[in-house]
C-alpha atoms as a PDB file:
ATOM      1  CA  MET A   1      18.351-300.356   1.023  1.00  0.00           C
ATOM      2  CA  LYS A   2      19.374-297.019   0.588  1.00  0.00           C
ATOM      3  CA  GLY A   3      18.347-295.028  -2.243  1.00  0.00           C
ATOM      4  CA  MET A   4      20.924-292.664  -4.056  1.00  0.00           C
ATOM      5  CA  VAL A   5      21.318-288.559  -4.003  1.00  0.00           C
ATOM      6  CA  TYR A   6      22.087-287.044  -6.973  1.00  0.00           C
ATOM      7  CA  LEU A   7      23.174-283.343  -5.986  1.00  0.00           C
ATOM      8  CA  VAL A   8      22.465-281.472  -9.747  1.00  0.00           C
ATOM      9  CA  GLY A   9      23.228-277.939 -11.370  1.00  0.00           C
ATOM     10  CA  ALA A  10      20.342-276.743 -13.587  1.00  0.00           C
ATOM     11  CA  GLY A  11      22.141-273.995 -15.351  1.00  0.00           C
ATOM     12  CA  PRO A  12      21.219-270.305 -15.461  1.00  0.00           C
ATOM     13  CA  GLY A  13      17.709-271.604 -17.018  1.00  0.00           C
ATOM     14  CA  ASP A  14      17.703-272.833 -20.603  1.00  0.00           C
ATOM     15  CA  PRO A  15      16.883-276.401 -20.756  1.00  0.00           C
ATOM     16  CA  GLU A  16      19.340-276.818 -23.807  1.00  0.00           C
ATOM     17  CA  LEU A  17      21.656-276.207 -21.048  1.00  0.00           C
ATOM     18  CA  LEU A  18      21.322-279.104 -19.404  1.00  0.00           C
ATOM     19  CA  THR A  19      24.252-281.577 -19.425  1.00  0.00           C
ATOM     20  CA  LEU A  20      23.551-284.980 -20.781  1.00  0.00           C
ATOM     21  CA  LYS A  21      23.836-286.939 -17.550  1.00  0.00           C
ATOM     22  CA  ALA A  22      21.288-283.969 -15.691  1.00  0.00           C
ATOM     23  CA  LEU A  23      18.729-284.706 -17.743  1.00  0.00           C
ATOM     24  CA  ARG A  24      18.768-288.075 -17.152  1.00  0.00           C
ATOM     25  CA  ALA A  25      18.610-287.581 -13.405  1.00  0.00           C
ATOM     26  CA  LEU A  26      15.982-285.857 -13.665  1.00  0.00           C
ATOM     27  CA  ARG A  27      13.800-288.279 -15.833  1.00  0.00           C
ATOM     28  CA  ALA A  28      14.665-290.437 -13.574  1.00  0.00           C
ATOM     29  CA  ALA A  29      14.048-288.834 -10.353  1.00  0.00           C
ATOM     30  CA  GLU A  30      11.543-290.211  -7.411  1.00  0.00           C
ATOM     31  CA  VAL A  31      12.071-287.363  -5.388  1.00  0.00           C
ATOM     32  CA  VAL A  32      13.156-283.391  -6.525  1.00  0.00           C
ATOM     33  CA  LEU A  33      14.330-280.888  -4.014  1.00  0.00           C
ATOM     34  CA  THR A  34      14.331-277.664  -6.592  1.00  0.00           C
ATOM     35  CA  ASP A  35      15.630-274.546  -5.202  1.00  0.00           C
ATOM     36  CA  ALA A  36      13.476-271.110  -6.239  1.00  0.00           C
ATOM     37  CA  LEU A  37      15.104-269.907  -9.296  1.00  0.00           C
ATOM     38  CA  VAL A  38      15.423-273.129 -10.678  1.00  0.00           C
ATOM     39  CA  SER A  39      13.507-271.954 -15.087  1.00  0.00           C
ATOM     40  CA  PRO A  40       9.971-273.384 -15.439  1.00  0.00           C
ATOM     41  CA  GLU A  41      11.163-274.940 -18.018  1.00  0.00           C
ATOM     42  CA  ILE A  42      13.307-277.494 -16.833  1.00  0.00           C
ATOM     43  CA  LEU A  43      11.027-278.128 -13.858  1.00  0.00           C
ATOM     44  CA  ASP A  44       8.994-279.095 -16.998  1.00  0.00           C
ATOM     45  CA  LEU A  45      11.211-281.773 -17.513  1.00  0.00           C
ATOM     46  CA  ILE A  46      10.437-283.868 -14.336  1.00  0.00           C
ATOM     47  CA  PRO A  47       8.394-286.292 -14.772  1.00  0.00           C
ATOM     48  CA  ALA A  48       4.553-286.908 -13.575  1.00  0.00           C
ATOM     49  CA  THR A  49       4.964-289.470 -11.111  1.00  0.00           C
ATOM     50  CA  ALA A  50       8.143-288.135  -9.608  1.00  0.00           C
ATOM     51  CA  MET A  51       7.751-285.966  -6.113  1.00  0.00           C
ATOM     52  CA  THR A  52       8.409-282.083  -6.192  1.00  0.00           C
ATOM     53  CA  ILE A  53       9.503-280.619  -3.066  1.00  0.00           C
ATOM     54  CA  HIS A  54      10.518-276.893  -3.642  1.00  0.00           C
ATOM     55  CA  VAL A  55      13.186-275.797  -0.761  1.00  0.00           C
ATOM     56  CA  GLY A  56      14.152-272.157  -1.721  1.00  0.00           C
ATOM     57  CA  LYS A  57      15.210-269.868   0.145  1.00  0.00           C
ATOM     58  CA  ARG A  58      15.512-266.484  -1.594  1.00  0.00           C
ATOM     59  CA  CYS A  59      16.757-262.667   0.718  1.00  0.00           C
ATOM     60  CA  GLY A  60      14.013-261.982   3.141  1.00  0.00           C
ATOM     61  CA  ARG A  61      11.466-264.577   2.942  1.00  0.00           C
ATOM     62  CA  ILE A  62      10.339-266.306   5.260  1.00  0.00           C
ATOM     63  CA  SER A  63      11.555-270.534   3.319  1.00  0.00           C
ATOM     64  CA  ILE A  64      13.341-273.773   4.529  1.00  0.00           C
ATOM     65  CA  SER A  65      16.077-274.099   6.485  1.00  0.00           C
ATOM     66  CA  GLN A  66      19.095-275.937   5.604  1.00  0.00           C
ATOM     67  CA  ALA A  67      18.726-278.474   8.333  1.00  0.00           C
ATOM     68  CA  GLU A  68      15.505-279.050   6.849  1.00  0.00           C
ATOM     69  CA  ILE A  69      17.246-279.673   3.215  1.00  0.00           C
ATOM     70  CA  ASN A  70      19.175-281.950   4.667  1.00  0.00           C
ATOM     71  CA  ARG A  71      16.558-284.200   6.890  1.00  0.00           C
ATOM     72  CA  LEU A  72      14.714-284.614   3.745  1.00  0.00           C
ATOM     73  CA  MET A  73      17.209-285.654   1.024  1.00  0.00           C
ATOM     74  CA  VAL A  74      18.449-288.531   4.159  1.00  0.00           C
ATOM     75  CA  GLU A  75      14.768-289.646   4.716  1.00  0.00           C
ATOM     76  CA  HIS A  76      14.175-290.434   1.303  1.00  0.00           C
ATOM     77  CA  ALA A  77      17.396-291.272   0.067  1.00  0.00           C
ATOM     78  CA  ASN A  78      16.924-294.236   3.611  1.00  0.00           C
ATOM     79  CA  ALA A  79      13.272-295.548   1.989  1.00  0.00           C
ATOM     80  CA  GLY A  80      15.168-296.354  -1.008  1.00  0.00           C
ATOM     81  CA  ARG A  81      14.515-293.656  -3.625  1.00  0.00           C
ATOM     82  CA  MET A  82      16.736-291.586  -5.839  1.00  0.00           C
ATOM     83  CA  VAL A  83      16.838-288.163  -5.392  1.00  0.00           C
ATOM     84  CA  VAL A  84      17.210-285.144  -7.063  1.00  0.00           C
ATOM     85  CA  ARG A  85      18.459-282.444  -5.130  1.00  0.00           C
ATOM     86  CA  LEU A  86      17.975-279.998  -8.176  1.00  0.00           C
ATOM     87  CA  LYS A  87      20.073-276.137  -7.936  1.00  0.00           C
ATOM     88  CA  SER A  88      20.122-273.104 -10.311  1.00  0.00           C
ATOM     89  CA  GLY A  89      23.122-272.611 -11.888  1.00  0.00           C
ATOM     90  CA  ASP A  90      26.606-275.161 -10.038  1.00  0.00           C
ATOM     91  CA  PRO A  91      26.025-276.774  -6.673  1.00  0.00           C
ATOM     92  CA  LEU A  92      29.110-275.983  -6.279  1.00  0.00           C
ATOM     93  CA  VAL A  93      29.205-272.769  -6.769  1.00  0.00           C
ATOM     94  CA  PHE A  94      27.469-270.648  -4.247  1.00  0.00           C
ATOM     95  CA  GLY A  95      24.839-273.351  -3.837  1.00  0.00           C
ATOM     96  CA  ARG A  96      25.521-274.786  -0.132  1.00  0.00           C
ATOM     97  CA  ALA A  97      26.821-278.069  -1.814  1.00  0.00           C
ATOM     98  CA  GLY A  98      29.502-278.399   1.247  1.00  0.00           C
ATOM     99  CA  GLU A  99      26.833-278.656   3.904  1.00  0.00           C
ATOM    100  CA  GLU A 100      24.591-281.389   2.125  1.00  0.00           C
ATOM    101  CA  MET A 101      27.303-283.421   0.663  1.00  0.00           C
ATOM    102  CA  GLU A 102      28.446-283.016   4.618  1.00  0.00           C
ATOM    103  CA  ALA A 103      25.365-284.562   6.170  1.00  0.00           C
ATOM    104  CA  LEU A 104      24.854-286.955   3.107  1.00  0.00           C
ATOM    105  CA  ARG A 105      28.230-288.402   4.328  1.00  0.00           C
ATOM    106  CA  GLU A 106      27.202-288.496   8.315  1.00  0.00           C
ATOM    107  CA  ALA A 107      24.567-290.563   7.189  1.00  0.00           C
ATOM    108  CA  GLY A 108      25.916-292.908   5.412  1.00  0.00           C
ATOM    109  CA  ILE A 109      23.895-291.987   1.687  1.00  0.00           C
ATOM    110  CA  PRO A 110      25.313-292.493  -1.258  1.00  0.00           C
ATOM    111  CA  PHE A 111      25.524-289.670  -3.666  1.00  0.00           C
ATOM    112  CA  GLU A 112      27.117-287.981  -6.494  1.00  0.00           C
ATOM    113  CA  VAL A 113      27.415-284.566  -8.145  1.00  0.00           C
ATOM    114  CA  VAL A 114      26.158-283.187 -11.462  1.00  0.00           C
ATOM    115  CA  PRO A 115      28.226-279.643 -12.268  1.00  0.00           C
ATOM    116  CA  GLY A 116      26.497-277.437 -14.299  1.00  0.00           C
ATOM    117  CA  ILE A 117      26.577-274.092 -16.445  1.00  0.00           C
ATOM    118  CA  THR A 118      26.993-271.245 -12.979  1.00  0.00           C
ATOM    119  CA  ALA A 119      25.478-268.237 -13.506  1.00  0.00           C
ATOM    120  CA  ALA A 120      28.913-265.593 -14.060  1.00  0.00           C
ATOM    121  CA  LEU A 121      29.514-268.391 -17.759  1.00  0.00           C
ATOM    122  CA  GLY A 122      25.651-268.164 -18.616  1.00  0.00           C
ATOM    123  CA  ALA A 123      25.763-264.183 -18.177  1.00  0.00           C
ATOM    124  CA  ALA A 124      28.566-263.727 -20.317  1.00  0.00           C
ATOM    125  CA  ALA A 125      27.788-266.048 -23.230  1.00  0.00           C
ATOM    126  CA  ALA A 126      24.242-264.531 -23.697  1.00  0.00           C
ATOM    127  CA  ALA A 127      26.203-260.871 -23.626  1.00  0.00           C
ATOM    128  CA  GLN A 128      28.872-262.423 -25.928  1.00  0.00           C
ATOM    129  CA  ILE A 129      31.496-261.488 -22.995  1.00  0.00           C
ATOM    130  CA  SER A 130      34.571-263.426 -22.803  1.00  0.00           C
ATOM    131  CA  LEU A 131      35.740-263.392 -18.770  1.00  0.00           C
ATOM    132  CA  THR A 132      39.053-263.537 -19.308  1.00  0.00           C
ATOM    133  CA  ASP A 133      40.968-262.200 -22.206  1.00  0.00           C
ATOM    134  CA  ARG A 134      44.553-262.043 -22.197  1.00  0.00           C
ATOM    135  CA  ARG A 135      44.644-258.110 -23.026  1.00  0.00           C
ATOM    136  CA  TYR A 136      43.058-257.054 -20.556  1.00  0.00           C
ATOM    137  CA  ALA A 137      41.876-260.266 -17.596  1.00  0.00           C
ATOM    138  CA  SER A 138      44.306-262.408 -16.368  1.00  0.00           C
ATOM    139  CA  ARG A 139      42.278-263.365 -13.679  1.00  0.00           C
ATOM    140  CA  LEU A 140      39.030-264.228 -13.024  1.00  0.00           C
ATOM    141  CA  VAL A 141      36.452-263.752  -9.548  1.00  0.00           C
ATOM    142  CA  PHE A 142      33.642-265.049  -8.495  1.00  0.00           C
ATOM    143  CA  ALA A 143      32.229-263.401  -4.908  1.00  0.00           C
ATOM    144  CA  THR A 144      28.411-263.092  -3.386  1.00  0.00           C
ATOM    145  CA  ALA A 145      27.921-259.273  -2.544  1.00  0.00           C
ATOM    146  CA  GLN A 146      27.041-259.762   1.092  1.00  0.00           C
ATOM    147  CA  HIS A 147      29.901-261.012   1.232  1.00  0.00           C
ATOM    148  CA  ALA A 148      32.231-259.220  -0.713  1.00  0.00           C
ATOM    149  CA  ALA A 149      30.457-256.262   1.450  1.00  0.00           C
ATOM    150  CA  GLU A 150      30.819-257.474   4.749  1.00  0.00           C
ATOM    151  CA  LYS A 151      34.502-258.398   4.820  1.00  0.00           C
ATOM    152  CA  PRO A 152      37.522-256.070   4.889  1.00  0.00           C
ATOM    153  CA  ALA A 153      39.571-254.661   1.711  1.00  0.00           C
ATOM    154  CA  SER A 154      42.246-256.849   2.808  1.00  0.00           C
ATOM    155  CA  ASP A 155      40.554-259.875   2.641  1.00  0.00           C
ATOM    156  CA  SER A 156      40.157-259.782  -1.298  1.00  0.00           C
ATOM    157  CA  PRO A 157      42.474-257.247  -2.639  1.00  0.00           C
ATOM    158  CA  ALA A 158      41.933-259.035  -6.131  1.00  0.00           C
ATOM    159  CA  LEU A 159      38.359-257.389  -6.579  1.00  0.00           C
ATOM    160  CA  ALA A 160      39.791-254.229  -6.863  1.00  0.00           C
ATOM    161  CA  SER A 161      42.494-255.349  -9.690  1.00  0.00           C
ATOM    162  CA  SER A 162      42.124-253.882 -12.879  1.00  0.00           C
ATOM    163  CA  GLU A 163      43.549-256.429 -14.263  1.00  0.00           C
ATOM    164  CA  SER A 164      40.596-259.127 -13.158  1.00  0.00           C
ATOM    165  CA  THR A 165      37.315-259.358 -14.532  1.00  0.00           C
ATOM    166  CA  THR A 166      35.123-259.323 -11.035  1.00  0.00           C
ATOM    167  CA  VAL A 167      31.680-261.192 -10.942  1.00  0.00           C
ATOM    168  CA  LEU A 168      29.375-260.549  -8.038  1.00  0.00           C
ATOM    169  CA  TYR A 169      26.566-263.327  -7.467  1.00  0.00           C
ATOM    170  CA  MET A 170      22.981-262.850  -5.714  1.00  0.00           C
ATOM    171  CA  PRO A 171      23.140-258.496  -6.022  1.00  0.00           C
ATOM    172  CA  ASN A 172      19.613-258.328  -4.303  1.00  0.00           C
ATOM    173  CA  ASP A 173      19.660-254.507  -5.339  1.00  0.00           C
ATOM    174  CA  HIS A 174      22.177-253.580  -3.455  1.00  0.00           C
ATOM    175  CA  TYR A 175      24.374-251.545  -5.876  1.00  0.00           C
ATOM    176  CA  SER A 176      25.412-248.631  -3.966  1.00  0.00           C
ATOM    177  CA  GLN A 177      26.888-251.088  -1.273  1.00  0.00           C
ATOM    178  CA  ILE A 178      28.558-252.582  -3.871  1.00  0.00           C
ATOM    179  CA  ALA A 179      29.641-249.262  -5.942  1.00  0.00           C
ATOM    180  CA  ASP A 180      31.078-248.373  -2.335  1.00  0.00           C
ATOM    181  CA  GLU A 181      33.146-250.734  -1.484  1.00  0.00           C
ATOM    182  CA  LEU A 182      35.217-251.900  -4.482  1.00  0.00           C
ATOM    183  CA  LEU A 183      35.835-248.419  -5.048  1.00  0.00           C
ATOM    184  CA  ARG A 184      37.292-248.288  -1.174  1.00  0.00           C
ATOM    185  CA  ARG A 185      38.981-250.953  -2.960  1.00  0.00           C
ATOM    186  CA  GLY A 186      40.820-248.456  -5.208  1.00  0.00           C
ATOM    187  CA  MET A 187      38.803-249.962  -8.334  1.00  0.00           C
ATOM    188  CA  PRO A 188      38.369-246.742 -11.013  1.00  0.00           C
ATOM    189  CA  ASP A 189      35.161-245.317 -10.753  1.00  0.00           C
ATOM    190  CA  ASP A 190      34.817-245.499 -14.237  1.00  0.00           C
ATOM    191  CA  THR A 191      35.303-249.231 -14.259  1.00  0.00           C
ATOM    192  CA  PRO A 192      32.779-250.230 -16.520  1.00  0.00           C
ATOM    193  CA  CYS A 193      29.559-252.988 -15.713  1.00  0.00           C
ATOM    194  CA  LEU A 194      27.172-254.728 -16.696  1.00  0.00           C
ATOM    195  CA  VAL A 195      24.535-256.320 -14.579  1.00  0.00           C
ATOM    196  CA  VAL A 196      22.335-259.595 -15.902  1.00  0.00           C
ATOM    197  CA  SER A 197      19.245-260.733 -15.049  1.00  0.00           C
ATOM    198  CA  ARG A 198      18.264-264.045 -15.910  1.00  0.00           C
ATOM    199  CA  ALA A 199      20.737-264.569 -19.158  1.00  0.00           C
ATOM    200  CA  CYS A 200      19.688-267.780 -21.173  1.00  0.00           C
ATOM    201  CA  ARG A 201      16.074-267.160 -20.810  1.00  0.00           C
ATOM    202  CA  ALA A 202      14.069-265.665 -22.980  1.00  0.00           C
ATOM    203  CA  GLU A 203      12.898-263.257 -20.812  1.00  0.00           C
ATOM    204  CA  GLN A 204      16.951-262.211 -19.797  1.00  0.00           C
ATOM    205  CA  GLN A 205      18.181-258.634 -19.465  1.00  0.00           C
ATOM    206  CA  PHE A 206      21.487-256.681 -19.575  1.00  0.00           C
ATOM    207  CA  TYR A 207      21.799-253.380 -17.781  1.00  0.00           C
ATOM    208  CA  PRO A 208      25.225-251.969 -18.577  1.00  0.00           C
ATOM    209  CA  THR A 209      26.605-249.080 -16.479  1.00  0.00           C
ATOM    210  CA  THR A 210      30.626-248.162 -15.047  1.00  0.00           C
ATOM    211  CA  LEU A 211      30.600-247.475 -11.068  1.00  0.00           C
ATOM    212  CA  ARG A 212      30.106-244.994 -10.334  1.00  0.00           C
ATOM    213  CA  GLU A 213      26.955-244.865 -11.839  1.00  0.00           C
ATOM    214  CA  LEU A 214      26.641-248.568 -10.469  1.00  0.00           C
ATOM    215  CA  PRO A 215      23.866-247.947  -7.478  1.00  0.00           C
ATOM    216  CA  GLU A 216      21.311-246.230 -10.146  1.00  0.00           C
ATOM    217  CA  ALA A 217      21.079-249.351 -12.062  1.00  0.00           C
ATOM    218  CA  PRO A 218      17.174-250.573 -11.779  1.00  0.00           C
ATOM    219  CA  GLY A 219      16.717-253.576  -9.770  1.00  0.00           C
ATOM    220  CA  LEU A 220      16.046-256.769 -12.143  1.00  0.00           C
ATOM    221  CA  PRO A 221      14.908-259.745 -11.432  1.00  0.00           C
ATOM    222  CA  SER A 222      16.501-262.174  -9.857  1.00  0.00           C
ATOM    223  CA  PRO A 223      18.424-264.578 -10.884  1.00  0.00           C
ATOM    224  CA  ALA A 224      21.091-261.606 -11.478  1.00  0.00           C
ATOM    225  CA  VAL A 225      25.027-260.888 -11.393  1.00  0.00           C
ATOM    226  CA  VAL A 226      26.799-257.916 -11.598  1.00  0.00           C
ATOM    227  CA  ILE A 227      30.060-258.172 -13.654  1.00  0.00           C
ATOM    228  CA  VAL A 228      33.007-255.927 -13.254  1.00  0.00           C
ATOM    229  CA  GLY A 229      35.610-255.194 -15.418  1.00  0.00           C
ATOM    230  CA  ARG A 230      37.411-253.575 -18.745  1.00  0.00           C
ATOM    231  CA  VAL A 231      36.253-256.368 -21.001  1.00  0.00           C
ATOM    232  CA  THR A 232      32.963-255.427 -20.250  1.00  0.00           C
ATOM    233  CA  ALA A 233      33.082-252.302 -22.124  1.00  0.00           C
ATOM    234  CA  HIS A 234      35.097-254.195 -24.568  1.00  0.00           C
ATOM    235  CA  HIS A 235      33.333-256.772 -26.038  1.00  0.00           C
ATOM    236  CA  LEU A 236      29.924-255.006 -25.793  1.00  0.00           C
ATOM    237  CA  GLN A 237      30.767-252.290 -27.406  1.00  0.00           C
ATOM    238  CA  SER A 238      32.725-254.639 -30.128  1.00  0.00           C
ATOM    239  CA  ASN A 239      29.101-256.602 -30.661  1.00  0.00           C
ATOM    240  CA  GLY A 240      26.894-253.158 -30.772  1.00  0.00           C
ATOM    241  CA  HIS A 241      25.249-254.930 -27.212  1.00  0.00           C
ATOM    242  CA  LEU A 242      25.590-251.464 -25.257  1.00  0.00           C
ATOM    243  CA  GLY A 243      21.841-251.080 -26.728  1.00  0.00           C
ATOM    244  CA  LEU A 244      20.780-253.773 -25.023  1.00  0.00           C
ATOM    245  CA  GLU A 245      19.559-254.791 -28.120  1.00  0.00           C
ATOM    246  CA  VAL A 246      20.645-258.354 -27.707  1.00  0.00           C
ATOM    247  CA  PRO A 247      17.558-261.279 -29.280  1.00  0.00           C
ATOM    248  CA  ALA A 248      15.682-263.447 -26.628  1.00  0.00           C
ATOM    249  CA  LEU A 249      16.735-267.220 -26.656  1.00  0.00           C
ATOM    250  CA  GLN A 250      14.144-269.339 -27.974  1.00  0.00           C
ATOM    251  CA  PHE A 251      13.460-272.947 -25.960  1.00  0.00           C
ATOM    252  CA  ALA A 252      13.890-276.536 -27.931  1.00  0.00           C
ATOM    253  CA  ASP A 253      11.944-278.654 -26.219  1.00  0.00           C
ATOM    254  CA  CYS A 254      13.880-280.896 -24.679  1.00  0.00           C
ATOM    255  CA  GLY A 255      10.811-283.280 -23.416  1.00  0.00           C
END
């Protein structure tokens, strides 16, 4: 009898932000294939009886291939095991879930996607920023920093809209390239930005800046996002967070 695969979103890091279904899947797992950016507090929820395999892909480092991850999911499911593919954030947002679902379909493996809170939402909540606001931003754009810098301007006109909030995932300290590309697309150089590192974790960090000064931003730990848009300045100012005085979250016992 074939097993089952759950593609589970671990959210931004706080175990209290897991869905109930995600928590149930973790507690029932026999095999967990986990990404590198899943927080230790969430990994602690995996049963001691489960086999945990770290398959995280990190920029610039030797890591397991996507084909090998697909093979492991299929192999363990074919052995009748309950498999959790654990991903930071949401599996369907820059998480290669499309490739994994395709591999599972081709192998005839039943699977279910358990969504999680994606990094942009976790970062905005931690910084008390409304990503949309009828007065300032009627459109929300998610993009990866690398892809945004590689595509010609005509491919992504929404990135430079003054009525948009743009959230750039995986900046990897490429702040100069991000700023250059958004300025080239026509975004004003005084556009406010916020770099958010490890949102919703005890060690979360915030760095407010402008597009002009973004290249000077420090290299904060991953996972990180850059939020660009007018709502960033408005909500940081109104909540008194420009001085980075945001209290660290306390983790509850989710065991």
